[in-house]
Every structure is written in C-alpha cells, then in structure tokens.
C-alpha cells in the first residue's frame, strides 16, 4: 500500500512539473579542435545532461578525426599526403558536407575564401608549421600560388575527391569549428531539447530562447590588439541562427612599422591590407557564417556589405580601422547591435 502511494505521489509531482513547464538551465564545457566548447541548454528538470555531454564529446572527436591537420591519421591529412592526380579519394559524410559549403563560399566570394591556401599561410609563419613569422620574397609567394586554388580539386556527388594537381592540399581551419557547432546543435535537437546555445572557440549557434524567455545574447570582442579577451565591443541577440566572427587583432606580426595579419588573400598570397579588423556574420548555419566571415575580411567592407546585402537570411557587422586607430562600424541592412561594451 505504501509503495502504491509513493508511486502515485511521484507520478503526481512529475505531471505537476511538466504541466508547469518546470525547467532548468544547464551549462557544461569541454575541449575540442584546439580550443574550448561551451554549451547551455534549457531542459526539463529531470533531464540527464551528462549522457548528452558524452554524446557531444564522441561526435566532436569524430569530426576532429576527419578534419584536423594536426593529426597525421585524419581524413584531411591523408588527402593532403596523396601525391597523385586522377585518383579517387573517398570521403566521409562530414568531409563531404564541409567541402560542399566550402565550394559554395569559394565561388560566391570570387575566390576570396580558399581552403587550399595553407602552404602560403605556413610560408608567412602563421600556420601549424614551425616556420617563424616573416615577410617572404615575392618569388617564394609566386611559386606557391601556382599550387593554390580550390578549383584544383574535383568533388563528386558520389563522395570522392580527385586532385587535379598532386601538390594541392586542404585546410578547414576557418570553417571546421562552425561545422562542429552545427553538428552539436543537431545532436541536442535529436535529444529533444529545443532551447540551447552552442559555442566552440567563439563560433555559435543559438536555438530557441533562454530560461528567462529572452533571446540568446552574443558579445563581439573589442577588435583592438590590447583589449582583454572578454571585453565586449558590441552585443547582438539571436535566435535560431549561427554566428561567427573573424578578426586580425590577435594573430599578426609587425615589421618596420607595418602590421601583417594572419588572414591572407588567396588571390595574391599577401596579408589583407584593407582596414577591416573584424567581421561578424549571422546566418542560418554556423558553418556558412564561419567561412563567410573570413572571406569578407579579404573582400573589404564595401564589397563585403554588397555581397551580404544580396544574400537572404544573412547579416553582418564589419569593423574598419583607420590610420589613426579609430574604428568605424559598417552594418548590413538587417544587422542590429544592442550595446557597446
């Protein structure tokens, strides 16, 4: 009899909590892709988020095994090591998905984004090689430019790649984190959670609302070289959108009074020199936002705004630095910032 009463009470309280929308907001974090991820979910009081975190860690490890150039056994490293033209290199669904978005951004931006530029990035000393940061000779840059070009890779709908140049190589550093964010978001939705925020190394996807019923608020870092990592320059509230920021204010070197950014123009092999210091993109997926933010850095604020304003469901904030170090904000038509830091 007591057992029946206890069971009845438990069922009563479960129904009561469910009927009242009793929820909790849970945050957890971990390491992936050489950085940290942070996730916040709004879910039922009795939801087991530990099991969800385990699923997320496994999924992110799968993506890392596919796209990390730091792992010799990764899918991308094995493709880069292939020194043959015309041979089919079969790829996973993850690799194919990223290649599809990458090709779209490459064509959309007039080759301002190019996933094959890593050899020149290494030449300048910005990549994962042990090269010191330096200004290369023009002849060195020109020699490598001959081996740069996303169009030197043929992609088949049957999930294989073919090199048109044996020396061509890939690097997804400016798009892989965004893809990781999107895939974690898929896992969370599959777990029945509809309100959440996923962030990996500054790239974000926000779905639904916070526990207080408000949109998720994202801070944009102050794009000055001496600003703290947590200093907010602008804030934006988003819902059901991906968000990514690219900037030149952290990774650069100075020589003879000039600043050389780690973001290179794949069309000429030189660091950007157009005054753009930060680009934030809001789009339907974080994968697209991640890659497009880098491309807009290369295009410059005028062409960048023109492009973004021509796209549906895509907005941007481009910050331009003048010679006297003052900053100017350039907004797309629908971008709304909420506050200054």
Protein backbone atom coordinates (compact mmCIF):
# COMPACT_ATOMS: atom_id res chain seq x y z
CA UNK A 1 0.00 0.00 0.00
CA UNK A 2 2.80 2.46 0.92
CA UNK A 3 4.58 1.62 -2.32
CA UNK A 4 1.44 2.42 -4.33
CA UNK A 5 1.04 5.75 -2.52
CA UNK A 6 4.73 6.66 -3.12
CA UNK A 7 4.41 5.80 -6.80
CA UNK A 8 1.24 7.84 -7.10
CA UNK A 9 2.91 10.83 -5.45
CA UNK A 10 5.91 10.56 -7.78
CA UNK A 11 3.64 10.48 -10.82
CA UNK A 12 1.71 13.45 -9.42
CA UNK A 13 4.83 15.56 -8.99
CA UNK A 14 6.15 14.59 -12.42
CA UNK A 15 2.89 15.68 -14.01
CA UNK A 16 2.86 18.83 -11.90
CA UNK A 17 6.38 19.83 -13.00
CA UNK A 18 5.61 19.01 -16.62
CA UNK A 19 2.36 20.97 -16.52
CA UNK A 20 4.08 23.99 -15.01
CA UNK A 21 6.89 23.90 -17.54
CA UNK A 22 9.40 23.31 -14.74
CA UNK A 23 12.78 23.72 -16.40
CA UNK A 24 16.45 24.13 -15.61
CA UNK A 25 19.27 25.83 -17.48
CA UNK A 26 22.42 23.73 -17.54
CA UNK A 27 25.87 24.70 -18.82
CA UNK A 28 28.84 22.45 -19.48
CA UNK A 29 32.11 22.67 -21.36
CA UNK A 30 34.97 20.63 -22.78
CA UNK A 31 37.95 20.69 -25.13
CA UNK A 32 37.95 20.18 -28.88
CA UNK A 33 39.74 21.36 -32.03
CA UNK A 34 42.49 23.03 -30.02
CA UNK A 35 40.01 25.21 -28.16
CA UNK A 36 37.13 25.03 -25.66
CA UNK A 37 33.45 24.46 -26.24
CA UNK A 38 30.67 25.85 -24.05
CA UNK A 39 27.08 24.65 -24.18
CA UNK A 40 23.98 25.87 -22.38
CA UNK A 41 20.67 24.03 -22.62
CA UNK A 42 17.22 24.75 -21.22
CA UNK A 43 15.55 21.48 -20.47
CA UNK A 44 13.24 19.57 -18.17
CA UNK A 45 14.22 19.33 -14.51
CA UNK A 46 14.90 15.58 -14.66
CA UNK A 47 16.82 15.57 -17.95
CA UNK A 48 20.19 13.77 -17.80
CA UNK A 49 22.64 16.17 -19.45
CA UNK A 50 25.66 14.03 -18.53
CA UNK A 51 24.64 11.49 -21.16
CA UNK A 52 24.24 14.32 -23.67
CA UNK A 53 27.73 15.65 -22.95
CA UNK A 54 29.19 12.22 -23.59
CA UNK A 55 27.43 12.03 -26.97
CA UNK A 56 28.75 15.51 -27.85
CA UNK A 57 32.34 14.60 -26.95
CA UNK A 58 32.16 11.49 -29.13
CA UNK A 59 30.70 13.45 -32.06
CA UNK A 60 33.30 16.19 -31.85
CA UNK A 61 36.07 13.59 -31.76
CA UNK A 62 34.68 12.10 -34.97
CA UNK A 63 34.80 15.49 -36.68
CA UNK A 64 38.32 16.13 -35.38
CA UNK A 65 39.47 12.77 -36.75
CA UNK A 66 38.15 13.86 -40.12
CA UNK A 67 39.36 17.47 -40.37
CA UNK A 68 42.32 18.09 -38.08
CA UNK A 69 45.56 18.77 -39.93
CA UNK A 70 47.38 18.23 -36.63
CA UNK A 71 46.52 14.51 -36.78
CA UNK A 72 48.52 12.51 -39.30
CA UNK A 73 45.83 9.84 -39.42
CA UNK A 74 42.95 12.25 -40.07
CA UNK A 75 40.97 12.18 -43.27
CA UNK A 76 42.25 15.58 -44.37
CA UNK A 77 45.89 14.69 -43.60
CA UNK A 78 45.61 11.52 -45.68
CA UNK A 79 44.13 13.51 -48.55
CA UNK A 80 46.94 16.06 -48.32
CA UNK A 81 49.54 13.27 -48.33
CA UNK A 82 48.10 11.80 -51.54
CA UNK A 83 50.61 12.74 -54.24
CA UNK A 84 48.64 11.63 -57.28
CA UNK A 85 46.29 13.20 -59.76
CA UNK A 86 43.20 11.45 -61.09
CA UNK A 87 42.89 9.02 -58.17
CA UNK A 88 39.56 8.83 -56.33
CA UNK A 89 39.78 9.67 -52.63
CA UNK A 90 36.55 8.63 -50.93
CA UNK A 91 35.41 10.87 -48.09
CA UNK A 92 33.01 10.69 -45.15
CA UNK A 93 29.68 12.49 -44.94
CA UNK A 94 31.26 15.10 -42.64
CA UNK A 95 34.07 15.83 -45.07
CA UNK A 96 31.64 15.97 -47.99
CA UNK A 97 29.32 18.37 -46.13
CA UNK A 98 32.16 20.78 -45.34
CA UNK A 99 33.55 20.56 -48.88
CA UNK A 100 30.10 21.44 -50.26
CA UNK A 101 29.84 24.60 -48.15
CA UNK A 102 33.49 25.44 -48.84
CA UNK A 103 33.00 25.22 -52.58
CA UNK A 104 29.91 27.43 -52.34
CA UNK A 105 31.79 30.13 -50.39
CA UNK A 106 34.76 29.91 -52.76
CA UNK A 107 32.52 30.56 -55.77
CA UNK A 108 30.24 33.07 -54.01
CA UNK A 109 33.13 35.30 -52.92
CA UNK A 110 35.11 35.26 -56.15
CA UNK A 111 37.81 33.05 -54.59
CA UNK A 112 38.32 35.36 -51.59
CA UNK A 113 37.99 32.24 -49.43
CA UNK A 114 40.12 29.27 -50.43
CA UNK A 115 40.69 26.13 -48.39
CA UNK A 116 43.94 25.35 -50.25
CA UNK A 117 45.91 28.41 -49.07
CA UNK A 118 47.65 26.73 -46.13
CA UNK A 119 51.11 26.41 -47.83
CA UNK A 120 51.29 30.21 -48.12
CA UNK A 121 49.96 30.63 -44.57
CA UNK A 122 52.85 28.42 -43.41
CA UNK A 123 55.29 30.41 -45.54
CA UNK A 124 54.39 33.56 -43.61
CA UNK A 125 54.77 31.63 -40.34
CA UNK A 126 51.09 31.68 -39.34
CA UNK A 127 50.19 28.03 -39.89
CA UNK A 128 50.83 24.87 -37.94
CA UNK A 129 54.37 24.58 -39.28
CA UNK A 130 57.42 25.59 -37.25
CA UNK A 131 58.27 28.45 -39.60
CA UNK A 132 58.98 31.79 -37.97
CA UNK A 133 56.79 34.77 -38.85
CA UNK A 134 58.49 36.69 -41.63
CA UNK A 135 57.92 38.58 -44.89
CA UNK A 136 58.64 36.11 -47.71
CA UNK A 137 60.19 37.06 -51.02
CA UNK A 138 57.71 37.65 -53.83
CA UNK A 139 59.31 34.81 -55.76
CA UNK A 140 58.54 32.42 -52.87
CA UNK A 141 54.90 33.51 -52.81
CA UNK A 142 54.53 33.29 -56.58
CA UNK A 143 56.00 29.78 -56.58
CA UNK A 144 53.38 28.58 -54.08
CA UNK A 145 50.49 30.43 -55.71
CA UNK A 146 50.83 28.04 -58.64
CA UNK A 147 49.68 25.28 -56.28
CA UNK A 148 46.79 27.23 -54.73
CA UNK A 149 43.21 27.03 -55.95
CA UNK A 150 40.11 25.22 -54.68
CA UNK A 151 39.19 24.56 -58.30
CA UNK A 152 42.14 22.16 -58.46
CA UNK A 153 40.02 19.66 -56.53
CA UNK A 154 37.20 17.81 -58.24
CA UNK A 155 34.34 16.81 -55.94
CA UNK A 156 31.88 14.09 -56.94
CA UNK A 157 28.33 13.64 -55.66
CA UNK A 158 29.42 10.04 -55.05
CA UNK A 159 31.52 11.30 -52.12
CA UNK A 160 35.01 11.25 -53.50
CA UNK A 161 37.63 13.88 -54.34
CA UNK A 162 40.15 13.93 -57.17
CA UNK A 163 43.27 16.09 -57.23
CA UNK A 164 43.88 17.95 -60.45
CA UNK A 165 47.29 18.94 -59.04
CA UNK A 166 49.22 16.45 -56.96
CA UNK A 167 50.61 19.12 -54.63
CA UNK A 168 47.22 20.61 -53.70
CA UNK A 169 46.29 20.42 -50.01
CA UNK A 170 43.33 21.38 -47.84
CA UNK A 171 42.86 23.14 -44.53
CA UNK A 172 39.48 23.77 -42.91
CA UNK A 173 40.70 25.92 -40.00
CA UNK A 174 38.32 28.75 -40.93
CA UNK A 175 35.22 26.59 -41.31
CA UNK A 176 35.58 23.35 -39.29
CA UNK A 177 34.66 24.87 -35.91
CA UNK A 178 31.48 26.24 -37.44
CA UNK A 179 30.64 22.77 -38.73
CA UNK A 180 31.32 21.30 -35.31
CA UNK A 181 28.90 23.81 -33.79
CA UNK A 182 26.17 22.86 -36.27
CA UNK A 183 26.64 19.15 -35.67
CA UNK A 184 26.47 19.55 -31.90
CA UNK A 185 23.24 21.52 -32.42
CA UNK A 186 21.84 18.58 -34.40
CA UNK A 187 22.68 16.20 -31.54
CA UNK A 188 21.00 18.45 -28.99
CA UNK A 189 17.83 18.69 -31.07
CA UNK A 190 17.82 14.91 -31.51
CA UNK A 191 17.89 14.69 -27.71
CA UNK A 192 14.59 16.55 -27.59
CA UNK A 193 15.98 19.93 -26.48
CA UNK A 194 14.73 22.98 -28.41
CA UNK A 195 16.35 25.83 -26.43
CA UNK A 196 20.15 25.89 -26.35
CA UNK A 197 23.36 27.74 -27.14
CA UNK A 198 26.45 26.04 -28.61
CA UNK A 199 29.83 27.79 -28.79
CA UNK A 200 33.17 26.43 -29.99
CA UNK A 201 36.12 28.81 -29.97
CA UNK A 202 33.86 31.83 -30.44
CA UNK A 203 31.63 30.34 -33.17
CA UNK A 204 28.00 29.99 -32.12
CA UNK A 205 24.60 28.52 -32.87
CA UNK A 206 21.62 29.63 -30.80
CA UNK A 207 18.24 27.91 -30.90
CA UNK A 208 15.04 28.99 -29.17
CA UNK A 209 15.18 31.11 -26.03
CA UNK A 210 16.97 31.34 -22.69
CA UNK A 211 15.26 30.17 -19.50
CA UNK A 212 14.04 33.74 -18.90
CA UNK A 213 12.28 33.72 -22.27
CA UNK A 214 14.69 36.15 -23.92
CA UNK A 215 16.86 35.66 -27.00
CA UNK A 216 20.44 34.49 -26.55
CA UNK A 217 22.85 37.43 -26.33
CA UNK A 218 26.26 37.17 -28.01
CA UNK A 219 29.15 39.51 -27.29
CA UNK A 220 31.55 40.64 -30.02
CA UNK A 221 35.09 41.07 -28.76
CA UNK A 222 36.68 44.52 -28.86
CA UNK A 223 38.83 44.39 -32.03
CA UNK A 224 41.85 46.17 -30.58
CA UNK A 225 45.16 44.38 -30.10
CA UNK A 226 45.44 45.34 -26.41
CA UNK A 227 41.84 44.62 -25.42
CA UNK A 228 41.04 41.79 -22.95
CA UNK A 229 39.62 38.61 -24.44
CA UNK A 230 36.35 39.13 -22.56
CA UNK A 231 35.84 42.81 -23.37
CA UNK A 232 32.61 43.29 -25.32
CA UNK A 233 32.57 45.78 -28.19
CA UNK A 234 29.02 45.16 -29.37
CA UNK A 235 26.31 42.69 -28.43
CA UNK A 236 23.68 41.04 -30.59
CA UNK A 237 20.66 38.91 -29.68
CA UNK A 238 19.98 35.92 -31.91
CA UNK A 239 17.53 33.05 -32.16
CA UNK A 240 17.66 30.04 -34.48
CA UNK A 241 20.83 31.36 -36.11
CA UNK A 242 24.54 30.69 -36.49
CA UNK A 243 27.05 33.38 -35.59
CA UNK A 244 30.78 33.72 -36.28
CA UNK A 245 33.43 36.42 -36.00
CA UNK A 246 36.77 36.68 -37.79
CA UNK A 247 39.41 39.23 -36.87
CA UNK A 248 43.04 40.23 -37.41
CA UNK A 249 43.72 41.77 -34.00
CA UNK A 250 45.08 38.68 -32.20
CA UNK A 251 47.30 36.88 -34.68
CA UNK A 252 49.72 39.15 -36.54
CA UNK A 253 53.28 40.42 -36.51
CA UNK A 254 54.81 43.85 -37.03
CA UNK A 255 57.85 44.69 -39.12
CA UNK A 256 59.25 48.14 -39.92
CA UNK A 257 56.14 49.82 -38.56
CA UNK A 258 53.72 47.72 -40.61
CA UNK A 259 51.25 45.14 -39.34
CA UNK A 260 50.90 41.80 -41.15
CA UNK A 261 47.72 39.84 -40.46
CA UNK A 262 47.36 36.05 -40.41
CA UNK A 263 44.42 36.43 -42.80
CA UNK A 264 45.83 36.20 -46.32
CA UNK A 265 44.26 36.98 -49.65
CA UNK A 266 44.43 33.66 -51.53
CA UNK A 267 44.38 35.51 -54.83
CA UNK A 268 47.76 37.21 -54.29
CA UNK A 269 49.29 35.45 -51.27
CA UNK A 270 49.65 38.58 -49.11
CA UNK A 271 48.06 39.55 -45.77
CA UNK A 272 44.96 41.71 -46.07
CA UNK A 273 45.58 45.45 -46.01
CA UNK A 274 42.10 46.93 -46.38
CA UNK A 275 41.48 48.27 -42.88
CA UNK A 276 38.98 45.56 -41.91
CA UNK A 277 39.77 44.31 -38.40
CA UNK A 278 36.65 42.33 -37.55
CA UNK A 279 33.72 40.71 -39.35
CA UNK A 280 30.73 39.17 -37.59
CA UNK A 281 28.21 37.15 -39.59
CA UNK A 282 24.71 35.98 -38.66
CA UNK A 283 23.42 33.20 -40.92
CA UNK A 284 21.26 30.09 -40.96
CA UNK A 285 24.24 27.84 -40.19
CA UNK A 286 27.45 28.43 -38.29
CA UNK A 287 29.42 26.59 -40.99
CA UNK A 288 28.47 29.19 -43.57
CA UNK A 289 28.89 32.09 -41.13
CA UNK A 290 32.36 30.87 -40.15
CA UNK A 291 33.70 30.65 -43.70
CA UNK A 292 31.96 33.81 -44.92
CA UNK A 293 33.37 35.91 -42.06
CA UNK A 294 36.91 35.10 -43.21
CA UNK A 295 36.02 35.78 -46.85
CA UNK A 296 34.57 39.21 -46.02
CA UNK A 297 37.81 40.09 -44.20
CA UNK A 298 39.53 39.57 -47.55
CA UNK A 299 36.90 41.29 -49.71
CA UNK A 300 36.88 44.51 -47.68
CA UNK A 301 33.93 46.39 -46.23
CA UNK A 302 32.42 47.78 -49.46
CA UNK A 303 32.35 44.55 -51.46
CA UNK A 304 31.58 42.64 -48.26
CA UNK A 305 28.48 44.69 -47.48
CA UNK A 306 27.34 44.49 -51.08
CA UNK A 307 27.63 40.71 -51.01
CA UNK A 308 25.92 40.21 -47.64
CA UNK A 309 23.06 42.56 -48.56
CA UNK A 310 22.44 40.39 -51.63
CA UNK A 311 22.08 37.23 -49.54
CA UNK A 312 18.91 36.07 -47.81
CA UNK A 313 18.90 35.32 -44.07
CA UNK A 314 22.44 36.69 -43.70
CA UNK A 315 23.63 39.81 -41.88
CA UNK A 316 26.99 41.26 -40.87
CA UNK A 317 28.89 43.83 -38.86
CA UNK A 318 32.21 44.89 -40.38
CA UNK A 319 34.59 46.95 -38.24
CA UNK A 320 37.13 49.09 -40.09
CA UNK A 321 40.22 50.65 -38.52
CA UNK A 322 41.52 53.99 -39.83
CA UNK A 323 45.19 55.04 -39.84
CA UNK A 324 44.63 56.92 -36.56
CA UNK A 325 43.31 53.67 -34.96
CA UNK A 326 39.69 54.89 -34.78
CA UNK A 327 37.06 52.24 -35.53
CA UNK A 328 34.05 52.56 -37.83
CA UNK A 329 31.12 50.13 -37.81
CA UNK A 330 29.59 49.07 -41.13
CA UNK A 331 26.27 47.23 -40.82
CA UNK A 332 24.31 45.22 -43.33
CA UNK A 333 20.69 46.23 -43.77
CA UNK A 334 19.24 43.95 -41.11
CA UNK A 335 22.04 43.71 -38.53
CA UNK A 336 21.01 45.02 -35.11
CA UNK A 337 23.57 45.53 -32.34
CA UNK A 338 22.30 46.18 -28.85
CA UNK A 339 25.03 47.75 -26.77
CA UNK A 340 28.58 48.93 -26.55
CA UNK A 341 30.97 47.27 -24.16
